[in-house]
Amino acid sequence: MTESGSGPGLRAARDKMIAAGVHPLAIEVFAHHYRQLERGETGMIPESAIEPLDMPALADADVTEEDGVRALRETAVIKLNGGLGTSMGMDRAKSLLCVRRGLSFLDIIARQVLHLRRTYDASLPLIFMNSFRTSADTLAALSRYADLPVDGVPLELMQNKEPKLLEKNLMPVSWQKDPTLEWCPPGHGDIYTALSASGLVGTLLDAGYRQVFISNADNLGAVAEPRVAGWFAGSGAPFAIEAVRRTPSDRKGGHFAIRKADGRIVLRETAQTLPADQKALADLDRHRFASTNNIWVNLEALRSELDSRDGMLGLPLIRNVKHVDPADSSTPKVIQIESAMGAAIEVFSGAQTIEVTRRRFVPVKTTNDLLVLRSDVYDLGDDFVLDQASPMIPFVDLDGVYKLVGDFDKRFKEGAPSLRQAESFVVDGDWTFGDNITVVGKVTLDGERGRVESGTVLTS
């Protein structure tokens, strides 16, 4: 294939994207990564190329309330909302999942922002980056909040889409059974392409906003608090990511490091770690900080960087191998070309990280996380912010029969047990649960199947 990208696989992918109305900039970003993929690049970051990273803590930062409120009034909020939650058996926007008191992720996010606006007299526009799969459901759910949109700022930013590629020859896959499965989102690194292509950076700057706070919709701890906004505005950094101390549950997750070659901060994801480096990846003493994917970006710095790079930040490639139908492992293997939003930290000179507490990182990736969120581990106050009510976040590990939300709900029909006094809750086998159940200490249920009756106190 030539460097200009005229080979059959890329030509076919380009034609498909053009026919689907994908923005030309998104096509060029895809082509850039496609060429890397064809050259055999994997985006891997060897352990030998990095060093551990230390960082300051938000708790030690000197931020006045006045500075925090001023910064909040110059902040816009973007929530990444393109996922369906397919790993949990969902076929609509994951953020529509009920989490507390009959409220979905979307309900809580909207109410968090509306409360912040009232409290601090801030316009604080809220924008959802939706995918072609989540747009309609999300906008329908948000329509009940008539005062949520801000004049001159869109409520939605559309994520781009790209073709899945057959692993065997990098040709766009064809799947007549369900043509929507021929497409995938380009990972959350697409946020910068979408911001550039849509002109939203200029729109926000013209409206008087100086910075944007970007986070995942499934992380209800990611609130645009004045203290964090004030720290970022006062730091002078063009780009920053909130980090948390890694715990045993993060052993398989990504982490921050320093690249030896140029001293830049990098974010190494699991998919970018060589098999020989998996032990180092899991070493919590060596690599101590994980990304929350809570990201702060100075809008002027972002516009300048995008302009100097023709709209393409050139984020590292992530080669994600899946099946055409994620729910059917007998379907052909495909490659999804992706990039990570946090990887942009290596693009911006002077980028920073800041350690925050776990209260700002409450992601829901599995039904294990969902059980904790639906339990009494967190209180949900009038400000709709999650407050940890237990001395620790319990470790939860449910059997595979609970993996899908529908199966999970059938077994917890009466609601989640009390986990406020729990250290760990491990369920092996198929158990159903009544109401008013309390878990105390370290509890393991095992056996082929069983039932925990209402009012039971499970103890170590």
Protein backbone atom coordinates (compact mmCIF):
# COMPACT_ATOMS: atom_id res chain seq x y z
CA MET A 1 0.00 0.00 0.00
CA THR A 2 1.26 3.47 -0.77
CA GLU A 3 1.66 6.14 1.91
CA SER A 4 -1.17 8.09 0.32
CA GLY A 5 -3.49 5.25 1.21
CA SER A 6 -4.72 3.90 -2.11
CA GLY A 7 -4.79 0.19 -1.21
CA PRO A 8 -8.03 -1.79 -1.61
CA GLY A 9 -8.85 -2.05 2.10
CA LEU A 10 -8.51 1.64 2.82
CA ARG A 11 -10.19 2.61 -0.48
CA ALA A 12 -13.17 0.42 0.40
CA ALA A 13 -13.32 1.83 3.92
CA ARG A 14 -13.11 5.41 2.64
CA ASP A 15 -15.91 4.80 0.13
CA LYS A 16 -18.08 3.26 2.81
CA MET A 17 -17.53 6.18 5.19
CA ILE A 18 -18.19 8.76 2.46
CA ALA A 19 -21.43 7.00 1.49
CA ALA A 20 -22.51 7.04 5.15
CA GLY A 21 -21.87 10.77 5.43
CA VAL A 22 -18.93 10.55 7.86
CA HIS A 23 -17.10 13.86 8.20
CA PRO A 24 -13.97 14.15 6.02
CA LEU A 25 -11.76 14.88 9.05
CA ALA A 26 -12.92 11.67 10.75
CA ILE A 27 -12.10 9.77 7.57
CA GLU A 28 -8.58 11.19 7.55
CA VAL A 29 -8.04 10.27 11.20
CA PHE A 30 -9.23 6.74 10.41
CA ALA A 31 -6.90 6.57 7.39
CA HIS A 32 -3.96 7.70 9.54
CA HIS A 33 -4.55 4.83 11.98
CA TYR A 34 -5.31 2.37 9.17
CA ARG A 35 -1.87 2.96 7.67
CA GLN A 36 -0.29 2.34 11.06
CA LEU A 37 -2.28 -0.86 11.39
CA GLU A 38 -1.26 -2.07 7.94
CA ARG A 39 2.40 -1.42 8.73
CA GLY A 40 2.02 -3.79 11.66
CA GLU A 41 2.04 -1.14 14.36
CA THR A 42 0.22 -2.16 17.50
CA GLY A 43 0.45 0.93 19.67
CA MET A 44 2.25 -1.08 22.33
CA ILE A 45 4.22 0.78 25.02
CA PRO A 46 7.05 -1.43 26.37
CA GLU A 47 7.88 -1.29 30.06
CA SER A 48 11.47 -0.55 29.11
CA ALA A 49 10.36 2.73 27.50
CA ILE A 50 8.67 4.23 30.57
CA GLU A 51 9.26 5.20 34.18
CA PRO A 52 6.77 5.50 37.08
CA LEU A 53 4.99 8.82 37.61
CA ASP A 54 4.37 10.63 40.89
CA MET A 55 2.04 13.62 41.22
CA PRO A 56 0.57 16.22 43.60
CA ALA A 57 -2.82 15.76 45.28
CA LEU A 58 -5.87 17.98 44.93
CA ALA A 59 -6.20 17.89 48.73
CA ASP A 60 -2.96 19.91 48.98
CA ALA A 61 -3.90 22.49 46.34
CA ASP A 62 -4.50 26.09 47.39
CA VAL A 63 -7.78 27.09 45.73
CA THR A 64 -10.00 29.83 47.14
CA GLU A 65 -13.77 29.53 46.88
CA GLU A 66 -13.84 32.73 44.82
CA ASP A 67 -11.33 31.34 42.31
CA GLY A 68 -13.23 28.08 42.12
CA VAL A 69 -16.58 29.71 41.40
CA ARG A 70 -15.03 32.05 38.82
CA ALA A 71 -13.49 29.07 37.01
CA LEU A 72 -16.76 27.12 37.13
CA ARG A 73 -18.54 30.01 35.44
CA GLU A 74 -16.08 29.68 32.55
CA THR A 75 -16.46 25.89 32.26
CA ALA A 76 -18.48 23.72 29.88
CA VAL A 77 -19.19 20.04 30.58
CA ILE A 78 -19.08 17.18 28.08
CA LYS A 79 -20.22 13.66 28.97
CA LEU A 80 -19.12 10.73 26.82
CA ASN A 81 -22.33 8.85 26.17
CA GLY A 82 -21.73 6.69 23.11
CA GLY A 83 -21.82 3.26 24.76
CA LEU A 84 -24.64 0.74 24.74
CA GLY A 85 -23.43 -1.37 27.63
CA THR A 86 -23.33 -4.44 25.37
CA SER A 87 -21.01 -6.26 27.81
CA MET A 88 -23.90 -6.06 30.30
CA GLY A 89 -26.47 -7.22 27.75
CA MET A 90 -27.96 -3.81 26.97
CA ASP A 91 -29.13 -2.68 23.54
CA ARG A 92 -29.71 1.02 24.25
CA ALA A 93 -27.76 3.85 25.88
CA LYS A 94 -26.05 2.51 28.99
CA SER A 95 -26.76 5.81 30.71
CA LEU A 96 -30.49 4.98 30.69
CA LEU A 97 -29.85 2.23 33.23
CA CYS A 98 -31.61 2.82 36.52
CA VAL A 99 -29.10 3.28 39.31
CA ARG A 100 -30.79 4.88 42.36
CA ARG A 101 -34.34 5.81 43.45
CA GLY A 102 -35.73 5.23 39.97
CA LEU A 103 -33.17 7.60 38.47
CA SER A 104 -30.90 6.78 35.56
CA PHE A 105 -27.34 7.99 35.00
CA LEU A 106 -28.80 10.68 32.73
CA ASP A 107 -31.27 11.83 35.38
CA ILE A 108 -28.56 12.16 38.02
CA ILE A 109 -26.11 13.94 35.69
CA ALA A 110 -28.78 16.44 34.61
CA ARG A 111 -29.77 17.13 38.22
CA GLN A 112 -26.14 17.49 39.32
CA VAL A 113 -25.58 20.16 36.68
CA LEU A 114 -28.84 21.99 37.37
CA HIS A 115 -27.99 22.11 41.08
CA LEU A 116 -24.52 23.50 40.35
CA ARG A 117 -26.02 26.20 38.12
CA ARG A 118 -28.41 27.33 40.85
CA THR A 119 -25.83 27.19 43.62
CA TYR A 120 -23.04 29.08 41.85
CA ASP A 121 -24.98 31.19 39.33
CA ALA A 122 -23.10 29.46 36.53
CA SER A 123 -24.45 28.73 33.05
CA LEU A 124 -22.39 25.49 32.93
CA PRO A 125 -23.55 24.10 29.56
CA LEU A 126 -23.93 20.32 29.44
CA ILE A 127 -23.16 18.50 26.18
CA PHE A 128 -23.49 14.77 25.54
CA MET A 129 -21.23 13.13 22.99
CA ASN A 130 -23.61 10.51 21.63
CA SER A 131 -23.06 7.79 19.07
CA PHE A 132 -25.41 6.83 16.26
CA ARG A 133 -26.71 4.13 18.63
CA THR A 134 -27.43 6.36 21.65
CA SER A 135 -28.55 9.69 20.22
CA ALA A 136 -32.32 9.18 19.92
CA ASP A 137 -32.79 7.45 23.29
CA THR A 138 -30.65 10.03 25.09
CA LEU A 139 -32.34 13.10 23.64
CA ALA A 140 -35.77 11.61 24.37
CA ALA A 141 -34.82 10.98 28.00
CA LEU A 142 -33.38 14.49 28.42
CA SER A 143 -36.46 16.18 26.95
CA ARG A 144 -38.07 16.16 30.40
CA TYR A 145 -35.44 18.70 31.54
CA ALA A 146 -36.65 21.74 29.64
CA ASP A 147 -34.15 24.08 31.32
CA LEU A 148 -31.11 21.93 30.60
CA PRO A 149 -30.08 23.35 27.17
CA VAL A 150 -28.04 26.58 27.15
CA ASP A 151 -28.70 29.13 24.39
CA GLY A 152 -26.12 28.97 21.63
CA VAL A 153 -24.60 25.67 22.81
CA PRO A 154 -25.79 22.30 21.45
CA LEU A 155 -26.97 19.62 23.86
CA GLU A 156 -25.44 16.94 21.64
CA LEU A 157 -22.08 16.35 19.98
CA MET A 158 -22.15 13.39 17.62
CA GLN A 159 -19.40 10.81 17.84
CA ASN A 160 -18.10 9.61 14.51
CA LYS A 161 -18.33 6.04 13.26
CA GLU A 162 -16.01 3.84 11.25
CA PRO A 163 -16.13 0.39 9.64
CA LYS A 164 -15.02 -2.71 11.48
CA LEU A 165 -12.18 -4.44 9.61
CA LEU A 166 -11.83 -8.15 9.04
CA GLU A 167 -8.78 -9.30 10.97
CA LYS A 168 -7.62 -11.55 8.14
CA ASN A 169 -7.30 -8.88 5.43
CA LEU A 170 -8.29 -5.46 6.88
CA MET A 171 -11.23 -5.15 4.51
CA PRO A 172 -14.44 -3.53 5.82
CA VAL A 173 -16.72 -6.28 7.07
CA SER A 174 -20.10 -6.90 5.45
CA TRP A 175 -22.84 -8.30 7.71
CA GLN A 176 -26.23 -8.50 6.01
CA LYS A 177 -27.86 -10.07 9.06
CA ASP A 178 -27.50 -6.74 10.87
CA PRO A 179 -25.72 -4.00 8.88
CA THR A 180 -25.43 -1.79 11.97
CA LEU A 181 -22.87 -4.28 13.30
CA GLU A 182 -20.57 -3.35 10.41
CA TRP A 183 -19.84 -0.09 12.23
CA CYS A 184 -18.16 0.86 15.46
CA PRO A 185 -17.21 4.07 17.30
CA PRO A 186 -13.52 5.06 17.10
CA GLY A 187 -13.01 5.04 20.88
CA HIS A 188 -13.37 8.06 23.13
CA GLY A 189 -10.29 9.63 21.56
CA ASP A 190 -12.73 10.65 18.83
CA ILE A 191 -13.83 13.52 21.11
CA TYR A 192 -11.12 15.77 19.65
CA THR A 193 -12.04 14.95 16.06
CA ALA A 194 -15.71 15.59 16.84
CA LEU A 195 -14.89 18.88 18.58
CA SER A 196 -12.77 20.03 15.65
CA ALA A 197 -15.16 18.93 12.91
CA SER A 198 -18.22 20.40 14.60
CA GLY A 199 -16.68 23.81 15.28
CA LEU A 200 -17.74 23.48 18.93
CA VAL A 201 -14.38 24.69 20.26
CA GLY A 202 -14.89 28.05 18.56
CA THR A 203 -18.54 28.18 19.63
CA LEU A 204 -17.61 27.74 23.28
CA LEU A 205 -14.75 30.24 23.13
CA ASP A 206 -16.97 32.84 21.44
CA ALA A 207 -19.53 32.32 24.21
CA GLY A 208 -16.93 33.11 26.88
CA TYR A 209 -15.97 29.63 28.10
CA ARG A 210 -12.26 29.04 28.78
CA GLN A 211 -12.16 25.37 29.68
CA VAL A 212 -14.08 22.14 29.23
CA PHE A 213 -14.51 19.25 31.66
CA ILE A 214 -14.91 15.90 29.90
CA SER A 215 -15.83 12.63 31.63
CA ASN A 216 -17.67 9.34 31.17
CA ALA A 217 -21.44 9.30 31.62
CA ASP A 218 -21.18 6.09 33.66
CA ASN A 219 -18.99 7.80 36.30
CA LEU A 220 -21.36 9.67 38.60
CA GLY A 221 -18.43 10.83 40.73
CA ALA A 222 -17.27 13.09 37.88
CA VAL A 223 -18.91 16.31 39.02
CA ALA A 224 -17.75 19.75 37.84
CA GLU A 225 -16.86 20.95 41.32
CA PRO A 226 -15.54 24.53 41.76
CA ARG A 227 -12.43 23.36 43.63
CA VAL A 228 -11.25 21.18 40.74
CA ALA A 229 -12.21 23.80 38.14
CA GLY A 230 -10.30 26.42 40.12
CA TRP A 231 -7.22 24.22 40.46
CA PHE A 232 -7.09 23.64 36.70
CA ALA A 233 -7.66 27.27 35.78
CA GLY A 234 -4.95 28.35 38.20
CA SER A 235 -2.46 25.69 37.11
CA GLY A 236 -1.88 27.25 33.71
CA ALA A 237 -1.84 23.73 32.25
CA PRO A 238 -3.31 23.25 28.76
CA PHE A 239 -4.55 19.78 29.65
CA ALA A 240 -4.96 17.73 32.84
CA ILE A 241 -6.31 14.37 33.96
CA GLU A 242 -7.57 13.44 37.40
CA ALA A 243 -5.93 10.29 38.76
CA VAL A 244 -6.59 7.89 41.62
CA ARG A 245 -4.37 5.52 43.53
CA ARG A 246 -4.61 2.08 41.99
CA THR A 247 -6.14 -0.73 44.07
CA PRO A 248 -6.19 -4.50 43.52
CA SER A 249 -9.30 -4.03 41.36
CA ASP A 250 -7.21 -1.83 39.03
CA ARG A 251 -4.41 -4.34 38.43
CA LYS A 252 -5.56 -5.01 34.87
CA GLY A 253 -6.28 -1.38 34.07
CA GLY A 254 -4.24 1.40 32.48
CA HIS A 255 -1.86 3.70 34.32
CA PHE A 256 0.21 6.85 33.95
CA ALA A 257 3.95 6.85 33.33
CA ILE A 258 6.77 9.05 32.06
CA ARG A 259 8.14 8.29 28.59
CA LYS A 260 11.92 8.09 28.85
CA ALA A 261 12.51 9.39 25.32
CA ASP A 262 11.06 12.87 25.86
CA GLY A 263 9.86 13.13 29.47
CA ARG A 264 6.20 13.43 28.44
CA ILE A 265 3.43 11.93 30.57
CA VAL A 266 1.78 8.98 28.83
CA LEU A 267 -1.26 6.88 29.60
CA ARG A 268 -0.66 3.21 28.95
CA GLU A 269 -3.84 1.19 28.48
CA THR A 270 -4.06 -2.56 29.01
CA ALA A 271 -4.42 -3.07 25.25
CA GLN A 272 -1.06 -1.28 24.80
CA THR A 273 0.83 -3.53 27.22
CA LEU A 274 2.95 -6.40 25.92
CA PRO A 275 2.31 -9.89 27.37
CA ALA A 276 5.82 -9.85 28.87
CA ASP A 277 4.98 -6.60 30.70
CA GLN A 278 1.72 -7.74 32.30
CA LYS A 279 3.43 -8.33 35.64
CA ALA A 280 4.75 -4.76 35.66
CA LEU A 281 1.30 -3.49 34.67
CA ALA A 282 -0.16 -5.20 37.76
CA ASP A 283 2.56 -3.87 40.10
CA LEU A 284 0.67 -1.33 42.22
CA ASP A 285 3.85 -0.19 43.95
CA ARG A 286 5.59 0.63 40.68
CA HIS A 287 2.69 2.17 38.75
CA ARG A 288 0.55 3.75 41.45
CA PHE A 289 -1.91 5.93 39.56
CA ALA A 290 -4.82 5.12 37.26
CA SER A 291 -6.80 7.50 35.10
CA THR A 292 -10.34 8.44 36.05
CA ASN A 293 -10.93 9.68 32.49
CA ASN A 294 -11.96 12.99 34.10
CA ILE A 295 -10.21 15.44 31.79
CA TRP A 296 -9.81 19.22 31.85
CA VAL A 297 -8.84 21.03 28.66
CA ASN A 298 -8.04 24.70 28.08
CA LEU A 299 -10.06 25.60 24.98
CA GLU A 300 -7.54 28.09 23.57
CA ALA A 301 -4.76 25.51 23.91
CA LEU A 302 -6.94 22.88 22.24
CA ARG A 303 -7.80 25.18 19.33
CA SER A 304 -4.15 26.06 18.87
CA GLU A 305 -3.06 22.42 18.89
CA LEU A 306 -5.80 21.35 16.47
CA ASP A 307 -5.03 24.23 14.11
CA SER A 308 -1.33 23.38 14.06
CA ARG A 309 -2.10 19.73 13.27
CA ASP A 310 -4.85 20.21 10.66
CA GLY A 311 -7.45 19.00 13.15
CA MET A 312 -5.66 15.72 13.92
CA LEU A 313 -3.95 15.24 17.28
CA GLY A 314 -2.35 11.99 16.09
CA LEU A 315 -3.28 9.93 19.15
CA PRO A 316 -1.67 6.50 19.61
CA LEU A 317 -3.38 3.59 17.90
CA ILE A 318 -5.31 1.02 19.92
CA ARG A 319 -5.89 -2.22 18.00
CA ASN A 320 -9.01 -3.80 19.50
CA VAL A 321 -9.86 -7.32 18.29
CA LYS A 322 -13.50 -8.37 18.69
CA HIS A 323 -16.19 -10.31 16.85
CA VAL A 324 -18.57 -8.77 14.30
CA ASP A 325 -21.39 -9.58 16.68
CA PRO A 326 -19.96 -8.97 20.17
CA ALA A 327 -22.58 -11.31 21.60
CA ASP A 328 -21.64 -14.21 19.27
CA SER A 329 -18.08 -15.53 19.40
CA SER A 330 -18.72 -17.69 16.33
CA THR A 331 -18.89 -14.61 14.09
CA PRO A 332 -15.73 -13.45 12.28
CA LYS A 333 -12.99 -11.64 14.15
CA VAL A 334 -12.69 -7.96 13.38
CA ILE A 335 -10.35 -5.15 14.29
CA GLN A 336 -11.77 -1.95 15.68
CA ILE A 337 -9.39 0.98 15.30
CA GLU A 338 -9.58 3.05 18.46
CA SER A 339 -7.80 5.75 20.40
CA ALA A 340 -8.06 6.85 24.02
CA MET A 341 -9.11 10.34 25.06
CA GLY A 342 -6.55 10.42 27.86
CA ALA A 343 -3.71 9.64 25.48
CA ALA A 344 -3.83 13.29 24.41
CA ILE A 345 -1.88 14.07 27.56
CA GLU A 346 1.33 13.33 25.63
CA VAL A 347 0.38 15.82 22.91
CA PHE A 348 0.19 18.92 25.14
CA SER A 349 3.43 20.37 26.45
CA GLY A 350 2.96 21.20 30.12
CA ALA A 351 0.09 18.77 30.65
CA GLN A 352 -0.48 17.75 34.26
CA THR A 353 -2.07 15.08 36.41
CA ILE A 354 -3.62 15.56 39.85
CA GLU A 355 -4.47 12.91 42.43
CA VAL A 356 -8.11 12.92 43.57
CA THR A 357 -10.02 10.67 45.95
CA ARG A 358 -12.18 7.76 44.86
CA ARG A 359 -15.32 9.84 45.40
CA ARG A 360 -14.61 11.31 41.95
CA PHE A 361 -14.28 7.88 40.36
CA VAL A 362 -17.37 5.67 40.59
CA PRO A 363 -17.45 3.91 37.20
CA VAL A 364 -19.97 1.21 36.35
CA LYS A 365 -18.42 -1.24 33.91
CA THR A 366 -19.96 -4.48 35.24
CA THR A 367 -22.89 -5.65 37.33
CA ASN A 368 -20.43 -5.91 40.23
CA ASP A 369 -20.10 -2.11 40.09
CA LEU A 370 -23.86 -1.75 39.60
CA LEU A 371 -24.60 -3.69 42.79
CA VAL A 372 -22.34 -1.39 44.80
CA LEU A 373 -23.94 1.70 43.28
CA ARG A 374 -27.48 0.47 43.95
CA SER A 375 -26.63 -0.48 47.53
CA ASP A 376 -26.31 1.85 50.54
CA VAL A 377 -22.54 2.28 50.12
CA TYR A 378 -23.30 5.76 48.75
CA ASP A 379 -25.83 8.35 49.86
CA LEU A 380 -27.42 10.52 47.19
CA GLY A 381 -28.00 14.02 48.60
CA ASP A 382 -30.08 16.97 47.49
CA ASP A 383 -27.17 18.01 45.25
CA PHE A 384 -27.33 14.57 43.57
CA VAL A 385 -23.67 13.99 44.37
CA LEU A 386 -22.67 10.52 45.57
CA ASP A 387 -21.29 10.61 49.11
CA GLN A 388 -19.53 7.50 50.38
CA ALA A 389 -21.38 6.37 53.49
CA SER A 390 -19.30 3.28 54.29
CA PRO A 391 -15.75 3.09 55.68
CA MET A 392 -14.58 1.34 52.50
CA ILE A 393 -15.82 0.39 49.04
CA PRO A 394 -16.46 -3.35 49.30
CA PHE A 395 -14.98 -5.74 46.77
CA VAL A 396 -17.84 -7.43 44.88
CA ASP A 397 -17.42 -10.44 42.60
CA LEU A 398 -20.60 -11.99 41.23
CA ASP A 399 -20.90 -15.26 39.35
CA GLY A 400 -21.14 -15.16 35.57
CA VAL A 401 -24.91 -15.75 35.72
CA TYR A 402 -25.25 -12.16 36.94
CA LYS A 403 -23.25 -10.65 34.06
CA LEU A 404 -26.21 -9.39 32.03
CA VAL A 405 -28.44 -6.70 33.54
CA GLY A 406 -31.63 -8.67 32.85
CA ASP A 407 -30.32 -11.74 34.68
CA PHE A 408 -28.90 -9.56 37.45
CA ASP A 409 -32.26 -7.84 38.02
CA LYS A 410 -34.11 -11.18 38.19
CA ARG A 411 -31.91 -12.28 41.08
CA PHE A 412 -32.12 -8.96 42.96
CA LYS A 413 -35.83 -8.31 42.42
CA GLU A 414 -36.21 -6.79 45.88
CA GLY A 415 -33.24 -4.49 45.50
CA ALA A 416 -29.58 -4.56 46.44
CA PRO A 417 -28.48 -5.80 49.87
CA SER A 418 -26.95 -3.45 52.42
CA LEU A 419 -23.18 -3.39 51.78
CA ARG A 420 -22.32 -0.55 54.15
CA GLN A 421 -20.65 -2.94 56.62
CA ALA A 422 -19.17 -5.25 53.98
CA GLU A 423 -15.49 -5.71 53.11
CA SER A 424 -16.12 -8.17 50.31
CA PHE A 425 -19.08 -10.00 48.81
CA VAL A 426 -18.33 -12.96 46.53
CA VAL A 427 -21.15 -15.01 44.99
CA ASP A 428 -20.35 -18.33 43.33
CA GLY A 429 -23.36 -20.08 41.83
CA ASP A 430 -26.90 -19.00 41.07
CA TRP A 431 -28.43 -17.29 44.10
CA THR A 432 -31.57 -15.17 44.41
CA PHE A 433 -32.08 -12.56 47.10
CA GLY A 434 -35.02 -11.29 49.11
CA ASP A 435 -35.33 -7.81 50.57
CA ASN A 436 -33.68 -6.19 53.61
CA ILE A 437 -30.52 -8.33 53.39
CA THR A 438 -27.34 -7.14 55.12
CA VAL A 439 -23.78 -8.17 54.31
CA VAL A 440 -21.21 -7.76 57.11
CA GLY A 441 -17.44 -8.31 56.77
CA LYS A 442 -16.10 -10.74 54.21
CA VAL A 443 -18.86 -12.94 52.83
CA THR A 444 -18.72 -15.72 50.23
CA LEU A 445 -21.76 -17.61 48.98
CA ASP A 446 -21.04 -20.81 47.12
CA GLY A 447 -23.01 -23.73 45.84
CA GLU A 448 -24.75 -24.58 42.60
CA ARG A 449 -27.78 -22.48 43.52
CA GLY A 450 -29.60 -21.08 46.51
CA ARG A 451 -31.76 -18.32 47.96
CA VAL A 452 -31.07 -15.75 50.64
CA GLU A 453 -34.34 -15.03 52.42
CA SER A 454 -35.59 -11.58 53.34
CA GLY A 455 -34.12 -10.10 56.52
CA THR A 456 -31.00 -12.30 56.50
CA VAL A 457 -27.73 -10.94 57.88
CA LEU A 458 -24.80 -12.52 56.08
CA THR A 459 -21.57 -12.46 58.10
CA SER A 460 -18.00 -13.65 57.70
